[in-house]
Amino acid sequence: MLNESPANLIRAMVAQTTAAGKPSDLVFGVVTSDDPLEIKIDDKRTLDADFIMLSDMVRDYEVDISVSHMTETKGGGSGDASYESHAHAYRGRKKITVHNKLKNGEKVIMLRQAGGQLFYVLCRVAEHAELTGEWS
């Protein structure tokens, strides 16, 4: 079940909810540990990874992209290490990592499965806690 697509997981949760006659609930939580993942949902309950499923909006994942552009024109160096100003094509299908992993202190919105045993983390409540990429 954990390897299925997010859409299929949500469909399964909705089907189980309908069959149980109880609606699923939106639940708010706060990440208290990012490794291992733990999310506190109230003063008495903290969920661990066994009860949590993650959408791509809150986990690191890899994705293929297609690129087609030229690098910046650069030249430089001195002596034997000098090089002429040049640019080159950068094209093709590339794999990138999207860094969406939850961090301590972030607030999340979850969908609780009927019966309350499984929680699907939909998204963060606000912006990422910290962004550390080189482009800003």
C-alpha atoms as a PDB file:
ATOM      1  CA  MET A   1       0.000   0.000   0.000  1.00  0.00           C
ATOM      2  CA  LEU A   2       2.833   2.436   0.792  1.00  0.00           C
ATOM      3  CA  ASN A   3       4.295   2.126  -2.723  1.00  0.00           C
ATOM      4  CA  GLU A   4       1.095   3.212  -4.473  1.00  0.00           C
ATOM      5  CA  SER A   5       0.590   6.618  -6.041  1.00  0.00           C
ATOM      6  CA  PRO A   6      -0.755   9.417  -3.820  1.00  0.00           C
ATOM      7  CA  ALA A   7      -3.975   9.552  -5.866  1.00  0.00           C
ATOM      8  CA  ASN A   8      -4.612   5.822  -5.362  1.00  0.00           C
ATOM      9  CA  LEU A   9      -3.876   6.106  -1.637  1.00  0.00           C
ATOM     10  CA  ILE A  10      -6.368   8.943  -1.256  1.00  0.00           C
ATOM     11  CA  ARG A  11      -8.978   7.000  -3.261  1.00  0.00           C
ATOM     12  CA  ALA A  12      -8.487   3.973  -0.999  1.00  0.00           C
ATOM     13  CA  MET A  13      -8.791   6.129   2.122  1.00  0.00           C
ATOM     14  CA  VAL A  14     -11.990   7.750   0.826  1.00  0.00           C
ATOM     15  CA  ALA A  15     -13.458   4.331  -0.045  1.00  0.00           C
ATOM     16  CA  GLN A  16     -12.669   3.014   3.451  1.00  0.00           C
ATOM     17  CA  THR A  17     -14.123   6.150   5.019  1.00  0.00           C
ATOM     18  CA  THR A  18     -17.337   5.810   3.037  1.00  0.00           C
ATOM     19  CA  ALA A  19     -17.643   2.146   3.952  1.00  0.00           C
ATOM     20  CA  ALA A  20     -17.110   2.953   7.633  1.00  0.00           C
ATOM     21  CA  GLY A  21     -19.734   5.704   7.539  1.00  0.00           C
ATOM     22  CA  LYS A  22     -17.344   8.156   9.183  1.00  0.00           C
ATOM     23  CA  PRO A  23     -15.707  11.074   7.411  1.00  0.00           C
ATOM     24  CA  SER A  24     -11.954  11.430   7.395  1.00  0.00           C
ATOM     25  CA  ASP A  25     -10.609  14.362   9.316  1.00  0.00           C
ATOM     26  CA  LEU A  26      -8.102  17.040   8.505  1.00  0.00           C
ATOM     27  CA  VAL A  27      -5.570  17.029  11.307  1.00  0.00           C
ATOM     28  CA  PHE A  28      -2.906  19.611  12.062  1.00  0.00           C
ATOM     29  CA  GLY A  29       0.446  18.617  13.494  1.00  0.00           C
ATOM     30  CA  VAL A  30       3.950  19.829  14.261  1.00  0.00           C
ATOM     31  CA  VAL A  31       7.125  17.984  13.276  1.00  0.00           C
ATOM     32  CA  THR A  32       8.995  17.173  16.502  1.00  0.00           C
ATOM     33  CA  SER A  33      11.707  15.039  14.850  1.00  0.00           C
ATOM     34  CA  ASP A  34      12.759  14.847  11.216  1.00  0.00           C
ATOM     35  CA  ASP A  35      14.944  11.720  11.526  1.00  0.00           C
ATOM     36  CA  PRO A  36      13.195   9.541  12.436  1.00  0.00           C
ATOM     37  CA  LEU A  37      10.058  11.431  11.441  1.00  0.00           C
ATOM     38  CA  GLU A  38       7.644  12.172  14.284  1.00  0.00           C
ATOM     39  CA  ILE A  39       4.641  14.498  14.189  1.00  0.00           C
ATOM     40  CA  LYS A  40       2.850  15.699  17.320  1.00  0.00           C
ATOM     41  CA  ILE A  41      -0.909  16.070  16.815  1.00  0.00           C
ATOM     42  CA  ASP A  42      -1.960  16.912  20.370  1.00  0.00           C
ATOM     43  CA  ASP A  43      -0.591  16.929  23.923  1.00  0.00           C
ATOM     44  CA  LYS A  44      -0.988  13.159  24.226  1.00  0.00           C
ATOM     45  CA  ARG A  45      -0.226  11.813  20.741  1.00  0.00           C
ATOM     46  CA  THR A  46       2.891  11.837  18.616  1.00  0.00           C
ATOM     47  CA  LEU A  47       2.882   9.830  15.384  1.00  0.00           C
ATOM     48  CA  ASP A  48       5.929   7.906  14.190  1.00  0.00           C
ATOM     49  CA  ALA A  49       6.772   6.809  10.642  1.00  0.00           C
ATOM     50  CA  ASP A  50       4.689   3.611  10.958  1.00  0.00           C
ATOM     51  CA  PHE A  51       1.493   5.692  10.937  1.00  0.00           C
ATOM     52  CA  ILE A  52       2.523   8.372   8.434  1.00  0.00           C
ATOM     53  CA  MET A  53       2.397   8.498   4.626  1.00  0.00           C
ATOM     54  CA  LEU A  54       3.991  11.443   2.839  1.00  0.00           C
ATOM     55  CA  SER A  55       2.957  13.358  -0.258  1.00  0.00           C
ATOM     56  CA  ASP A  56       5.672  14.665  -2.585  1.00  0.00           C
ATOM     57  CA  MET A  57       5.061  18.111  -1.080  1.00  0.00           C
ATOM     58  CA  VAL A  58       6.693  16.999   2.195  1.00  0.00           C
ATOM     59  CA  ARG A  59       9.419  14.509   1.218  1.00  0.00           C
ATOM     60  CA  ASP A  60      12.599  14.408  -0.824  1.00  0.00           C
ATOM     61  CA  TYR A  61      12.117  12.699  -4.169  1.00  0.00           C
ATOM     62  CA  GLU A  62      13.740  12.380  -7.573  1.00  0.00           C
ATOM     63  CA  VAL A  63      12.151  13.435 -10.838  1.00  0.00           C
ATOM     64  CA  ASP A  64      13.214  13.510 -14.484  1.00  0.00           C
ATOM     65  CA  ILE A  65      13.314  16.879 -16.238  1.00  0.00           C
ATOM     66  CA  SER A  66      14.166  17.915 -19.783  1.00  0.00           C
ATOM     67  CA  VAL A  67      16.569  20.810 -20.296  1.00  0.00           C
ATOM     68  CA  SER A  68      17.685  22.729 -23.360  1.00  0.00           C
ATOM     69  CA  HIS A  69      19.791  25.830 -22.804  1.00  0.00           C
ATOM     70  CA  MET A  70      23.275  27.278 -23.082  1.00  0.00           C
ATOM     71  CA  THR A  71      25.683  27.802 -20.221  1.00  0.00           C
ATOM     72  CA  GLU A  72      26.787  31.320 -19.344  1.00  0.00           C
ATOM     73  CA  THR A  73      29.623  32.708 -21.461  1.00  0.00           C
ATOM     74  CA  LYS A  74      32.723  32.709 -19.263  1.00  0.00           C
ATOM     75  CA  GLY A  75      36.450  33.049 -19.655  1.00  0.00           C
ATOM     76  CA  GLY A  76      39.239  33.391 -17.171  1.00  0.00           C
ATOM     77  CA  GLY A  77      42.189  31.958 -15.395  1.00  0.00           C
ATOM     78  CA  SER A  78      45.766  32.960 -16.039  1.00  0.00           C
ATOM     79  CA  GLY A  79      48.867  31.351 -17.459  1.00  0.00           C
ATOM     80  CA  ASP A  80      48.446  27.693 -18.454  1.00  0.00           C
ATOM     81  CA  ALA A  81      45.063  27.601 -16.677  1.00  0.00           C
ATOM     82  CA  SER A  82      43.579  30.421 -18.765  1.00  0.00           C
ATOM     83  CA  TYR A  83      40.696  29.697 -21.105  1.00  0.00           C
ATOM     84  CA  GLU A  84      38.883  31.566 -23.844  1.00  0.00           C
ATOM     85  CA  SER A  85      35.409  32.903 -23.302  1.00  0.00           C
ATOM     86  CA  HIS A  86      32.979  30.177 -24.311  1.00  0.00           C
ATOM     87  CA  ALA A  87      29.536  28.669 -23.797  1.00  0.00           C
ATOM     88  CA  HIS A  88      28.166  25.228 -24.519  1.00  0.00           C
ATOM     89  CA  ALA A  89      24.822  23.507 -24.874  1.00  0.00           C
ATOM     90  CA  TYR A  90      23.258  21.707 -21.945  1.00  0.00           C
ATOM     91  CA  ARG A  91      20.472  19.468 -23.199  1.00  0.00           C
ATOM     92  CA  GLY A  92      18.680  16.237 -22.503  1.00  0.00           C
ATOM     93  CA  ARG A  93      16.732  14.381 -19.901  1.00  0.00           C
ATOM     94  CA  LYS A  94      18.226  14.829 -16.430  1.00  0.00           C
ATOM     95  CA  LYS A  95      17.371  13.488 -12.998  1.00  0.00           C
ATOM     96  CA  ILE A  96      17.100  15.998 -10.153  1.00  0.00           C
ATOM     97  CA  THR A  97      16.310  15.690  -6.469  1.00  0.00           C
ATOM     98  CA  VAL A  98      13.519  17.854  -5.056  1.00  0.00           C
ATOM     99  CA  HIS A  99      14.380  18.630  -1.426  1.00  0.00           C
ATOM    100  CA  ASN A 100      10.997  18.849   0.302  1.00  0.00           C
ATOM    101  CA  LYS A 101      11.805  16.856   3.456  1.00  0.00           C
ATOM    102  CA  LEU A 102      10.030  18.022   6.592  1.00  0.00           C
ATOM    103  CA  LYS A 103      12.119  19.745   9.250  1.00  0.00           C
ATOM    104  CA  ASN A 104      11.703  20.144  13.001  1.00  0.00           C
ATOM    105  CA  GLY A 105       9.140  22.757  13.950  1.00  0.00           C
ATOM    106  CA  GLU A 106       7.252  22.776  10.654  1.00  0.00           C
ATOM    107  CA  LYS A 107       3.461  22.650  10.843  1.00  0.00           C
ATOM    108  CA  VAL A 108       1.614  20.204   8.588  1.00  0.00           C
ATOM    109  CA  ILE A 109      -1.903  19.369   7.443  1.00  0.00           C
ATOM    110  CA  MET A 110      -2.798  15.672   7.375  1.00  0.00           C
ATOM    111  CA  LEU A 111      -5.747  13.578   6.269  1.00  0.00           C
ATOM    112  CA  ARG A 112      -6.631  10.943   8.861  1.00  0.00           C
ATOM    113  CA  GLN A 113      -7.941   7.649   7.563  1.00  0.00           C
ATOM    114  CA  ALA A 114     -11.253   6.457   9.007  1.00  0.00           C
ATOM    115  CA  GLY A 115     -10.479   4.730  12.284  1.00  0.00           C
ATOM    116  CA  GLY A 116      -7.541   7.034  12.897  1.00  0.00           C
ATOM    117  CA  GLN A 117      -4.674   4.591  12.312  1.00  0.00           C
ATOM    118  CA  LEU A 118      -3.053   6.102   9.224  1.00  0.00           C
ATOM    119  CA  PHE A 119      -2.261   9.751   8.493  1.00  0.00           C
ATOM    120  CA  TYR A 120      -1.457  11.109   5.014  1.00  0.00           C
ATOM    121  CA  VAL A 121       0.615  14.304   5.231  1.00  0.00           C
ATOM    122  CA  LEU A 122      -0.749  16.615   2.538  1.00  0.00           C
ATOM    123  CA  CYS A 123       1.380  19.740   2.907  1.00  0.00           C
ATOM    124  CA  ARG A 124       3.099  22.284   5.106  1.00  0.00           C
ATOM    125  CA  VAL A 125       1.024  25.047   6.658  1.00  0.00           C
ATOM    126  CA  ALA A 126       3.635  27.711   5.745  1.00  0.00           C
ATOM    127  CA  GLU A 127       6.867  28.145   3.811  1.00  0.00           C
ATOM    128  CA  HIS A 128       9.757  25.713   4.205  1.00  0.00           C
ATOM    129  CA  ALA A 129      11.577  26.205   7.508  1.00  0.00           C
ATOM    130  CA  GLU A 130      14.920  26.868   5.851  1.00  0.00           C
ATOM    131  CA  LEU A 131      16.105  26.927   2.269  1.00  0.00           C
ATOM    132  CA  THR A 132      19.803  26.334   1.701  1.00  0.00           C
ATOM    133  CA  GLY A 133      20.166  26.222  -2.083  1.00  0.00           C
ATOM    134  CA  GLU A 134      22.810  28.343  -3.792  1.00  0.00           C
ATOM    135  CA  TRP A 135      20.349  30.292  -5.979  1.00  0.00           C
ATOM    136  CA  SER A 136      18.110  32.780  -4.273  1.00  0.00           C
END
